[in-house]
Protein backbone atom coordinates (compact mmCIF):
# COMPACT_ATOMS: atom_id res chain seq x y z
CA MET A 1 58.13 89.12 -38.63
CA ARG A 2 58.73 91.30 -35.44
CA ILE A 3 59.01 89.25 -32.02
CA ALA A 4 59.03 90.91 -28.55
CA ILE A 5 61.56 89.40 -26.18
CA ALA A 6 61.79 89.87 -22.42
CA GLU A 7 63.20 88.36 -19.40
CA PHE A 8 62.18 88.63 -15.80
CA LYS A 9 63.54 85.60 -13.63
CA GLN A 10 63.67 85.14 -9.72
CA GLU A 11 63.39 81.60 -7.94
CA THR A 12 61.83 82.19 -4.50
CA ASN A 13 62.82 80.56 -1.13
CA SER A 14 59.82 80.76 1.50
CA PHE A 15 61.99 79.91 4.47
CA VAL A 16 64.54 82.91 4.52
CA PRO A 17 63.56 85.96 6.75
CA PHE A 18 64.48 88.79 3.68
CA THR A 19 62.62 89.91 0.58
CA THR A 20 63.75 90.44 -3.01
CA THR A 21 63.77 93.83 -3.94
CA VAL A 22 64.49 96.27 -6.98
CA GLN A 23 67.87 96.20 -5.86
CA THR A 24 68.34 92.48 -5.84
CA PHE A 25 67.43 92.41 -9.33
CA GLU A 26 69.71 95.40 -10.23
CA GLU A 27 72.65 93.76 -8.52
CA GLN A 28 72.22 90.69 -10.95
CA TYR A 29 71.71 92.50 -13.99
CA LEU A 30 69.28 94.82 -15.60
CA HIS A 31 69.17 95.35 -19.58
CA ARG A 32 66.72 97.69 -21.13
CA GLY A 33 65.79 97.90 -25.19
CA ASP A 34 68.29 97.65 -27.67
CA ALA A 35 71.00 96.79 -25.28
CA MET A 36 69.72 93.49 -24.86
CA LEU A 37 71.07 92.60 -27.96
CA THR A 38 74.66 92.65 -26.84
CA ALA A 39 74.59 92.90 -23.12
CA PHE A 40 74.90 88.99 -22.70
CA GLY A 41 78.37 88.92 -24.90
CA ASN A 42 79.05 85.10 -25.13
CA GLY A 43 76.82 83.91 -22.51
CA ARG A 44 75.05 80.45 -23.20
CA LEU A 45 71.88 81.83 -21.63
CA GLU A 46 68.13 81.93 -23.05
CA ILE A 47 68.36 85.37 -24.66
CA PRO A 48 71.04 84.66 -26.67
CA GLY A 49 69.81 81.29 -27.57
CA ALA A 50 66.45 82.97 -28.66
CA LEU A 51 68.00 85.81 -30.52
CA ASP A 52 70.22 83.36 -32.56
CA ALA A 53 66.92 81.52 -33.63
CA ILE A 54 65.15 84.64 -34.40
CA LYS A 55 68.10 85.92 -36.45
CA GLU A 56 68.18 82.60 -38.54
CA ALA A 57 64.43 82.95 -39.17
CA GLY A 58 64.95 86.39 -40.64
CA ALA A 59 62.79 87.97 -38.31
CA THR A 60 63.21 91.23 -36.34
CA PRO A 61 63.94 90.82 -32.41
CA VAL A 62 61.99 93.46 -30.43
CA PRO A 63 63.77 93.71 -26.99
CA LEU A 64 62.00 95.00 -24.17
CA LEU A 65 63.44 94.44 -20.81
CA ALA A 66 65.83 91.88 -19.31
CA THR A 67 66.52 91.26 -15.36
CA MET A 68 67.05 88.39 -13.17
CA ALA A 69 67.59 88.16 -9.47
CA MET A 70 69.46 85.52 -7.64
CA ALA A 71 67.34 83.18 -5.85
CA SER A 72 65.99 85.07 -2.83
CA GLY A 73 63.20 85.73 -0.55
CA THR A 74 59.49 86.19 -1.62
CA VAL A 75 59.41 89.06 -4.35
CA GLU A 76 57.96 92.30 -2.97
CA ARG A 77 54.85 93.46 -4.85
CA LYS A 78 56.14 96.98 -5.51
CA ALA A 79 59.27 95.23 -7.20
CA PHE A 80 57.25 92.79 -8.92
CA ASP A 81 55.18 95.81 -10.45
CA HIS A 82 57.94 97.98 -11.07
CA PHE A 83 59.32 95.55 -13.56
CA MET A 84 56.31 93.99 -14.89
CA THR A 85 54.92 97.41 -15.61
CA GLU A 86 57.83 98.40 -17.60
CA ILE A 87 57.72 95.54 -19.79
CA GLU A 88 54.04 96.45 -20.30
CA GLU A 89 54.91 99.95 -21.11
CA ARG A 90 57.86 99.00 -23.48
CA LEU A 91 55.20 96.41 -25.19
CA LYS A 92 52.96 99.01 -25.95
CA ALA A 93 55.27 101.48 -27.17
CA ALA A 94 56.94 99.10 -29.51
CA ILE A 95 53.66 98.09 -31.01
CA LYS A 96 52.71 101.86 -31.21
CA ASP A 97 55.94 102.81 -32.79
CA GLY A 98 56.69 99.70 -35.09
CA GLY A 99 53.24 98.15 -35.50
CA PRO A 100 52.23 94.58 -34.16
CA VAL A 101 54.45 91.93 -32.90
CA ASP A 102 54.04 88.48 -34.65
CA GLY A 103 55.06 86.74 -31.20
CA VAL A 104 56.37 87.15 -27.81
CA PHE A 105 59.34 85.13 -26.21
CA LEU A 106 59.55 85.41 -22.48
CA ALA A 107 62.50 84.10 -20.47
CA LEU A 108 61.01 83.19 -16.90
CA HIS A 109 62.04 81.08 -14.01
CA GLY A 110 58.83 79.44 -12.99
CA ALA A 111 59.18 79.42 -9.24
CA MET A 112 58.79 82.95 -8.28
CA ILE A 113 56.38 84.06 -5.66
CA VAL A 114 55.10 87.55 -4.83
CA GLU A 115 54.19 88.80 -1.59
CA ASP A 116 50.24 88.26 -2.54
CA GLU A 117 50.68 86.22 -5.48
CA PRO A 118 51.80 82.48 -5.00
CA ASP A 119 51.75 82.21 -8.89
CA ALA A 120 53.65 84.98 -10.28
CA GLU A 121 54.49 83.40 -13.65
CA SER A 122 50.78 83.10 -14.49
CA GLU A 123 50.29 86.65 -13.70
CA ILE A 124 53.33 87.55 -16.01
CA VAL A 125 51.97 85.64 -18.93
CA ARG A 126 48.35 86.98 -18.27
CA ARG A 127 49.32 90.54 -18.21
CA VAL A 128 51.54 90.02 -21.39
CA ARG A 129 48.52 88.31 -23.04
CA ALA A 130 46.33 91.21 -22.40
CA ILE A 131 48.45 93.60 -24.18
CA VAL A 132 48.49 91.42 -27.56
CA PRO A 133 45.49 88.63 -27.39
CA GLY A 134 45.81 86.10 -29.79
CA THR A 135 49.27 86.54 -30.55
CA PRO A 136 51.48 83.16 -29.96
CA ILE A 137 53.55 83.37 -26.77
CA THR A 138 56.59 80.94 -25.88
CA VAL A 139 58.01 80.72 -22.37
CA SER A 140 61.49 79.23 -21.59
CA LEU A 141 61.39 78.08 -17.80
CA ASP A 142 63.90 76.29 -15.19
CA LEU A 143 63.14 72.90 -14.72
CA HIS A 144 62.79 73.97 -11.02
CA GLY A 145 59.63 75.78 -11.96
CA HIS A 146 56.48 75.55 -9.76
CA ILE A 147 53.97 74.51 -12.60
CA THR A 148 50.44 75.61 -12.20
CA GLN A 149 47.29 74.86 -14.00
CA ALA A 150 46.94 78.68 -14.05
CA MET A 151 50.07 78.95 -16.29
CA ILE A 152 48.25 76.96 -19.09
CA GLN A 153 46.57 79.88 -20.86
CA PRO A 154 45.32 80.22 -24.49
CA ASP A 155 48.29 80.98 -27.39
CA VAL A 156 50.95 80.09 -24.85
CA ALA A 157 53.58 77.06 -24.70
CA TYR A 158 56.31 76.31 -22.13
CA ILE A 159 59.81 74.98 -22.85
CA ALA A 160 61.92 74.18 -19.99
CA TYR A 161 65.80 73.18 -19.42
CA ARG A 162 66.48 69.73 -20.00
CA GLU A 163 69.48 69.24 -17.90
CA PHE A 164 70.13 69.49 -14.42
CA PRO A 165 72.65 70.75 -13.68
CA HIS A 166 71.78 73.44 -15.89
CA ILE A 167 73.71 73.40 -18.93
CA ASP A 168 71.41 74.09 -21.70
CA MET A 169 69.85 77.42 -20.85
CA TYR A 170 70.80 78.82 -24.34
CA GLU A 171 69.51 75.72 -26.01
CA THR A 172 66.17 76.10 -24.34
CA GLY A 173 66.09 79.70 -25.32
CA TYR A 174 66.72 78.66 -28.80
CA ARG A 175 63.94 76.00 -29.00
CA ALA A 176 61.48 78.06 -27.34
CA ALA A 177 61.84 80.94 -30.09
CA LYS A 178 62.24 78.25 -32.79
CA LEU A 179 58.69 76.72 -31.56
CA LEU A 180 57.53 80.42 -31.84
CA ILE A 181 58.52 80.91 -35.19
CA ASP A 182 57.23 77.65 -36.31
CA TRP A 183 53.89 78.52 -34.98
CA ILE A 184 53.68 81.95 -36.33
CA ASN A 185 54.60 80.43 -39.80
CA GLY A 186 51.55 77.75 -39.26
CA LYS A 187 54.10 74.74 -39.16
CA VAL A 188 52.95 73.76 -35.67
CA LYS A 189 49.61 74.81 -33.61
CA PRO A 190 51.12 73.75 -30.03
CA VAL A 191 48.87 72.91 -26.96
CA MET A 192 50.13 72.24 -23.23
CA ALA A 193 49.00 69.39 -21.01
CA LEU A 194 50.31 69.21 -17.10
CA SER A 195 50.22 66.38 -14.63
CA LYS A 196 51.25 66.59 -11.32
CA ARG A 197 52.41 64.62 -8.08
CA HIS A 198 52.46 66.14 -4.59
CA MET A 199 56.24 65.47 -3.70
CA VAL A 200 59.50 67.06 -3.41
CA PHE A 201 63.10 65.52 -4.30
CA SER A 202 66.69 66.68 -2.83
CA PRO A 203 67.87 68.51 -5.85
CA ASP A 204 71.20 66.40 -5.80
CA THR A 205 69.11 63.17 -6.51
CA ALA A 206 67.19 64.75 -9.04
CA ARG A 207 70.12 65.19 -11.45
CA THR A 208 69.05 64.72 -14.90
CA GLY A 209 72.10 62.41 -15.85
CA THR A 210 71.81 59.99 -12.94
CA PRO A 211 68.93 57.46 -12.23
CA PRO A 212 65.74 57.48 -11.45
CA MET A 213 65.65 60.86 -12.99
CA SER A 214 67.47 59.98 -16.23
CA ASP A 215 65.06 57.06 -16.81
CA ILE A 216 62.23 59.52 -16.72
CA VAL A 217 64.00 61.82 -18.89
CA ALA A 218 64.69 59.23 -21.26
CA GLU A 219 61.27 58.37 -21.88
CA GLY A 220 60.49 62.01 -22.48
CA ARG A 221 63.00 62.06 -25.00
CA ALA A 222 61.79 58.76 -26.64
CA MET A 223 58.01 60.43 -26.96
CA GLU A 224 59.55 63.43 -28.90
CA GLY A 225 61.67 60.95 -30.96
CA ARG A 226 58.64 58.83 -31.88
CA GLY A 227 56.82 62.10 -32.81
CA GLU A 228 54.07 61.33 -30.23
CA VAL A 229 54.51 65.16 -28.90
CA LEU A 230 56.69 68.13 -29.65
CA HIS A 231 58.50 69.03 -26.55
CA VAL A 232 58.44 67.25 -22.94
CA SER A 233 59.61 69.33 -19.89
CA LEU A 234 59.86 67.89 -16.74
CA PHE A 235 60.06 69.69 -13.25
CA PRO A 236 61.42 68.44 -10.06
CA VAL A 237 60.43 71.71 -8.61
CA GLN A 238 62.37 74.25 -6.23
CA PRO A 239 61.76 72.56 -3.33
CA TRP A 240 62.19 75.44 -0.64
CA ILE A 241 58.70 77.07 -1.35
CA ASP A 242 55.88 76.91 0.63
CA THR A 243 52.67 76.58 -1.37
CA PRO A 244 49.46 74.98 -2.38
CA ASP A 245 49.74 72.45 -5.00
CA LEU A 246 53.80 72.27 -4.74
CA GLY A 247 55.20 68.88 -6.61
CA PHE A 248 56.62 67.34 -9.41
CA ALA A 249 55.36 68.28 -12.64
CA ALA A 250 55.26 66.94 -16.13
CA LEU A 251 54.32 69.83 -18.74
CA VAL A 252 53.90 68.33 -22.16
CA CYS A 253 53.75 70.43 -25.68
CA ALA A 254 51.80 68.46 -28.51
CA GLN A 255 49.39 69.17 -31.25
CA SER A 256 46.43 67.47 -29.72
CA LYS A 257 45.40 67.85 -26.25
CA GLU A 258 44.62 64.19 -25.67
CA ALA A 259 48.40 63.21 -26.89
CA ALA A 260 50.02 65.87 -24.57
CA GLN A 261 47.76 64.55 -21.48
CA ALA A 262 48.62 60.92 -21.82
CA ALA A 263 52.34 61.75 -21.97
CA ALA A 264 52.26 64.20 -19.27
CA ASP A 265 50.18 61.46 -17.01
CA LYS A 266 52.53 58.86 -17.83
CA LEU A 267 55.76 60.63 -16.89
CA ALA A 268 54.24 62.05 -13.70
CA LYS A 269 53.45 58.47 -12.48
CA MET A 270 56.84 57.26 -13.17
CA ALA A 271 58.55 59.67 -11.05
CA TRP A 272 55.78 58.77 -8.24
CA ASP A 273 56.37 55.09 -8.68
CA ARG A 274 59.92 55.54 -7.96
CA ARG A 275 59.88 58.43 -5.42
CA LYS A 276 61.80 56.31 -2.61
CA GLU A 277 64.79 56.19 -4.84
CA PHE A 278 65.24 60.07 -4.72
CA GLU A 279 66.36 59.84 -0.98
CA PRO A 280 70.02 61.93 -0.85
CA ASP A 281 72.90 60.47 0.52
CA VAL A 282 74.21 62.99 2.97
CA MET A 283 76.95 62.80 5.60
CA ALA A 284 77.86 64.41 8.64
CA LEU A 285 79.92 67.90 8.49
CA GLU A 286 82.40 66.94 10.60
CA GLU A 287 82.95 63.65 9.12
CA THR A 288 83.45 65.25 6.04
CA ILE A 289 86.09 67.53 7.30
CA ARG A 290 88.16 64.63 8.97
CA ILE A 291 88.28 62.77 5.66
CA GLY A 292 89.56 65.79 3.59
CA LEU A 293 92.28 66.68 6.29
CA SER A 294 93.43 63.30 6.14
CA SER A 295 93.19 62.40 2.55
CA SER A 296 95.26 63.20 -0.36
CA GLY A 297 93.54 65.07 -3.35
CA VAL A 298 90.71 67.40 -3.23
CA THR A 299 87.81 66.68 -1.05
CA VAL A 300 84.94 68.95 -2.33
CA VAL A 301 81.82 69.29 -0.10
CA SER A 302 78.30 70.77 -0.51
CA ASP A 303 77.39 73.17 2.09
CA ALA A 304 73.84 72.44 0.63
CA GLY A 305 72.04 74.05 3.48
CA ASP A 306 72.69 77.43 2.55
CA ALA A 307 73.00 77.75 -0.87
CA PRO A 308 72.65 81.16 -2.72
CA SER A 309 71.52 79.69 -5.74
CA GLY A 310 68.37 78.16 -3.83
CA GLY A 311 67.97 81.24 -1.85
CA GLY A 312 70.02 81.19 1.02
CA ALA A 313 71.78 84.32 2.19
CA GLY A 314 75.32 82.26 2.35
CA ASP A 315 76.23 83.72 5.69
CA SER A 316 76.31 80.62 7.65
CA THR A 317 79.23 80.12 9.60
CA ALA A 318 78.46 76.35 10.19
CA VAL A 319 81.38 75.03 7.89
CA LEU A 320 84.13 77.83 9.36
CA ALA A 321 83.41 77.06 12.83
CA ALA A 322 83.41 73.26 12.10
CA LEU A 323 87.02 73.97 10.48
CA LEU A 324 88.13 75.63 13.17
CA LYS A 325 86.84 73.50 15.55
CA ALA A 326 88.79 70.58 13.43
CA GLY A 327 92.03 72.36 13.65
CA ALA A 328 92.04 72.78 9.69
CA ASP A 329 93.82 76.49 10.35
CA ARG A 330 96.74 74.44 11.39
CA SER A 331 96.92 72.09 8.53
CA ASP A 332 99.74 71.99 6.21
CA ARG A 333 97.07 72.38 3.22
CA ILE A 334 94.34 74.80 2.84
CA SER A 335 90.76 74.72 3.06
CA ILE A 336 88.76 77.01 1.24
CA CYS A 337 85.15 78.31 2.22
CA THR A 338 83.14 81.32 1.87
CA ILE A 339 80.82 83.63 3.53
CA ALA A 340 78.52 86.52 2.26
CA ASP A 341 79.14 89.57 4.87
CA ALA A 342 79.04 92.75 3.36
CA GLU A 343 79.98 94.45 6.61
CA ALA A 344 82.73 92.55 7.34
CA ALA A 345 84.05 92.50 3.83
CA ALA A 346 84.08 96.39 4.12
CA GLN A 347 86.07 96.19 7.58
CA ALA A 348 88.60 93.77 6.38
CA ALA A 349 89.20 95.76 3.09
CA LYS A 350 89.75 98.84 5.31
CA ALA A 351 92.36 97.13 7.24
CA GLY A 352 94.41 96.41 3.82
CA VAL A 353 96.15 93.95 2.18
CA GLY A 354 98.84 92.19 4.54
CA ASN A 355 97.03 93.58 7.87
CA THR A 356 95.59 91.17 10.44
CA VAL A 357 91.99 91.89 11.37
CA THR A 358 89.50 90.59 13.83
CA LEU A 359 86.06 90.40 12.19
CA ASP A 360 82.30 89.10 13.13
CA VAL A 361 81.52 87.19 10.16
CA GLY A 362 78.08 85.87 9.19
CA HIS A 363 74.49 85.59 10.12
CA LYS A 364 73.99 89.31 9.36
CA ARG A 365 71.25 88.67 7.04
CA SER A 366 70.04 85.42 7.46
CA GLY A 367 69.65 85.57 11.38
CA LEU A 368 70.58 81.71 11.60
CA GLY A 369 72.55 82.43 14.71
CA ASP A 370 75.35 84.58 16.07
CA PRO A 371 78.42 86.22 14.05
CA LEU A 372 81.69 84.27 14.59
CA ARG A 373 84.78 86.45 15.70
CA VAL A 374 87.71 85.47 13.79
CA THR A 375 91.14 87.06 13.22
CA GLY A 376 93.02 86.59 10.28
CA THR A 377 95.35 88.48 7.80
CA VAL A 378 93.94 90.30 4.39
CA LYS A 379 95.51 88.29 1.37
CA VAL A 380 93.51 89.97 -1.58
CA ILE A 381 91.14 92.68 -1.95
CA SER A 382 88.65 92.56 -5.23
CA ASP A 383 85.82 94.04 -6.86
CA GLY A 384 84.09 90.56 -6.75
CA THR A 385 83.80 90.61 -10.84
CA TYR A 386 84.28 87.33 -12.00
CA LEU A 387 83.73 85.42 -15.62
CA LEU A 388 81.94 82.15 -15.11
CA GLU A 389 83.82 79.69 -17.28
CA GLY A 390 82.31 76.35 -16.42
CA PRO A 391 79.37 74.59 -18.09
CA GLY A 392 75.74 76.22 -16.99
CA TYR A 393 76.05 80.04 -17.13
CA ASN A 394 79.25 80.09 -19.25
CA GLY A 395 80.45 83.53 -20.31
CA MET A 396 78.27 85.29 -17.81
CA ILE A 397 79.85 87.96 -15.48
CA GLY A 398 79.35 87.38 -11.93
CA GLU A 399 79.24 89.86 -9.05
CA MET A 400 80.21 89.01 -5.75
CA GLY A 401 80.66 92.70 -4.91
CA LEU A 402 83.48 94.02 -2.57
CA THR A 403 85.47 90.62 -1.85
CA VAL A 404 88.29 89.99 0.55
CA VAL A 405 90.44 86.61 1.17
CA LEU A 406 91.02 86.26 4.41
CA ALA A 407 93.80 83.94 5.85
CA ILE A 408 92.97 82.38 9.11
CA GLY A 409 95.85 80.06 9.68
CA SER A 410 95.48 77.55 6.53
CA ILE A 411 91.88 78.52 6.05
CA ARG A 412 90.98 80.99 3.29
CA LEU A 413 87.85 82.56 3.79
CA ASN A 414 86.48 84.01 0.53
CA LEU A 415 84.49 86.75 2.12
CA ARG A 416 81.85 88.32 -0.45
CA SER A 417 79.54 91.21 -0.07
CA ILE A 418 76.88 89.68 -2.54
CA ALA A 419 75.94 86.13 -2.16
CA HIS A 420 76.43 84.63 -5.79
CA PHE A 421 76.32 81.13 -7.61
CA GLU A 422 79.09 79.06 -6.13
CA TRP A 423 79.17 76.79 -9.28
CA ASP A 424 81.84 77.90 -10.77
CA LEU A 425 85.74 77.85 -10.16
CA GLY A 426 85.95 81.33 -10.99
CA ILE A 427 84.78 82.72 -7.66
CA HIS A 428 87.98 81.39 -6.14
CA LYS A 429 90.57 81.58 -9.08
CA SER A 430 89.49 85.43 -9.75
CA VAL A 431 90.99 86.63 -6.11
CA GLY A 432 93.89 84.15 -6.41
CA LEU A 433 92.80 80.99 -4.86
CA ASN A 434 93.54 77.63 -6.44
CA PRO A 435 90.90 75.02 -5.55
CA GLU A 436 93.19 72.41 -7.29
CA SER A 437 95.46 72.42 -4.71
CA ALA A 438 93.32 72.68 -1.36
CA ALA A 439 92.64 69.88 0.99
CA LEU A 440 89.04 70.89 1.15
CA VAL A 441 86.72 73.15 -0.65
CA PHE A 442 83.36 73.88 0.44
CA VAL A 443 80.62 74.81 -1.98
CA ARG A 444 77.10 76.42 -1.37
CA SER A 445 75.52 74.75 -3.82
CA PRO A 446 73.51 71.29 -3.50
CA ALA A 447 74.23 70.03 -7.04
CA HIS A 448 75.13 72.54 -9.69
CA PHE A 449 78.57 72.36 -8.50
CA ARG A 450 79.31 69.11 -9.85
CA CYS A 451 79.67 70.22 -13.39
CA SER A 452 82.84 72.39 -12.44
CA TYR A 453 84.47 70.57 -9.57
CA THR A 454 84.09 67.15 -10.50
CA PRO A 455 87.10 67.10 -12.66
CA ILE A 456 89.37 68.39 -9.87
CA ALA A 457 87.50 66.27 -6.87
CA ALA A 458 89.17 63.14 -5.54
CA ARG A 459 85.77 62.77 -3.84
CA ILE A 460 82.85 64.67 -3.34
CA PHE A 461 80.22 64.66 -0.38
CA LEU A 462 76.97 66.15 0.60
CA ALA A 463 77.01 67.72 3.99
CA ASP A 464 73.82 67.70 6.16
CA THR A 465 74.49 71.54 7.04
CA PRO A 466 71.60 73.59 8.31
CA GLY A 467 69.87 76.26 6.67
CA PRO A 468 67.01 77.12 4.44
CA THR A 469 68.21 75.00 1.44
CA CYS A 470 68.86 71.88 3.34
CA VAL A 471 68.73 68.67 1.46
CA ASN A 472 66.65 66.77 4.04
CA MET A 473 63.39 67.33 2.74
CA ARG A 474 61.82 65.89 6.03
CA ARG A 475 63.45 69.12 7.96
CA ILE A 476 61.70 71.83 5.68
CA PRO A 477 58.77 73.58 7.76
CA PHE A 478 56.36 73.20 5.33
CA THR A 479 52.73 74.63 6.22
CA LYS A 480 51.15 75.56 3.18
CA VAL A 481 51.67 72.41 0.75
CA THR A 482 48.90 70.09 -0.35
CA ARG A 483 48.80 67.03 1.94
CA PRO A 484 49.06 64.33 1.90
CA PHE A 485 52.85 65.29 0.64
CA TYR A 486 55.78 63.06 -0.21
CA PRO A 487 58.16 62.62 1.84
CA LEU A 488 56.44 64.12 4.76
CA ASP A 489 53.46 61.98 4.68
CA LEU A 490 53.30 58.20 4.41
CA VAL A 491 51.44 57.87 0.97
CA ASN A 492 50.37 54.61 -0.30
CA ASP A 493 50.26 53.60 -4.26
């Protein structure tokens, strides 16, 4: 049994002024051919999960290409075709050299938008199917995928992450590959059904471990447990994309179309009926700082408005400006925040450790406002490489590029060149900062940070900060979504 495997992942944000290029993918990672078999090390990710399932079945993996871009702006067509064409060529070459493949496993995100194609995943699947018509294909997806009817294609089955915050990428890759192997062996013949509602939620309130989302998840797991369906996937969707038919999706894999559709419709209706319970609990930024500076223990604050994991540039100065205004630089305890600014990081590094430097930081990429002029002392210079140790992308190597820690009085600015996930304590520990001893730690993440930060936090707040990943859904400037659309419109049951 020969199973081709490939990964091509990106999560689009429609509200940022920059695009996703070939370089954006390469900055995260790009592995080709047999390098994929070892490139992920001990990372708890989809490809290692799929490889383990393939190995257990005694099958042979046929690795093609694996690449991923951080969440970012719309993908340039030339970048999309650059990688997609290579995947196609490698698949054709593998068949020519080694004979037909029995199945294909694809690790995709689900919310990639190309300049001229708002539904990139359906194109990816369609182009792969054209090379191996009639061959079973299984696809792993992020539960923030934008699922469309065009993705429901013959001989294709989808399985999404079950957990948010994302802590089951490995398990999802394993389950998707295991389904593929059972399909090839004739044990199952999966069909897919989709049900959608035109609504979006703040990611923090759509966590799978807390109500109301946990109740919908529990019903999906119960359906699986009763043997009614094979797999239930729920998609609260990436809310910061502007495209028709955006909304919550229930995507069900079963062995009969009727059973799959009935389950999908029931789960989508459950989410719709409880839509008002998904309102986020946000706090003014200034209040979070006041509480953090006057309270014992670590106050962890989500700077949700400019989150790299949602497509933000990570260069907003809102938090740093508010800390300075509140006098956090004169506090007897440190406050930690981040800004992604390659130009400022390079200037600080040139000044050298121990030297004082004046910089204009922030807003270079996003254009959200004017840079903020600050003066501080260079404490650490790093290449920005770190290991993610917490739940989620555990074992993955993170790349922040040239990184400098700038001490502005008691404020510690983690000044990076590349915006990267802020889910993990490793972004700070790798440059000598200890979040556990800080008064305040600001994290550019709407929800996932809770996995790593909850154990050290005396309290956690969601700040209503500005930017392209703001958690107040009513502030997002949608123009293309299908109306009526909740929560923009009042919709009767």
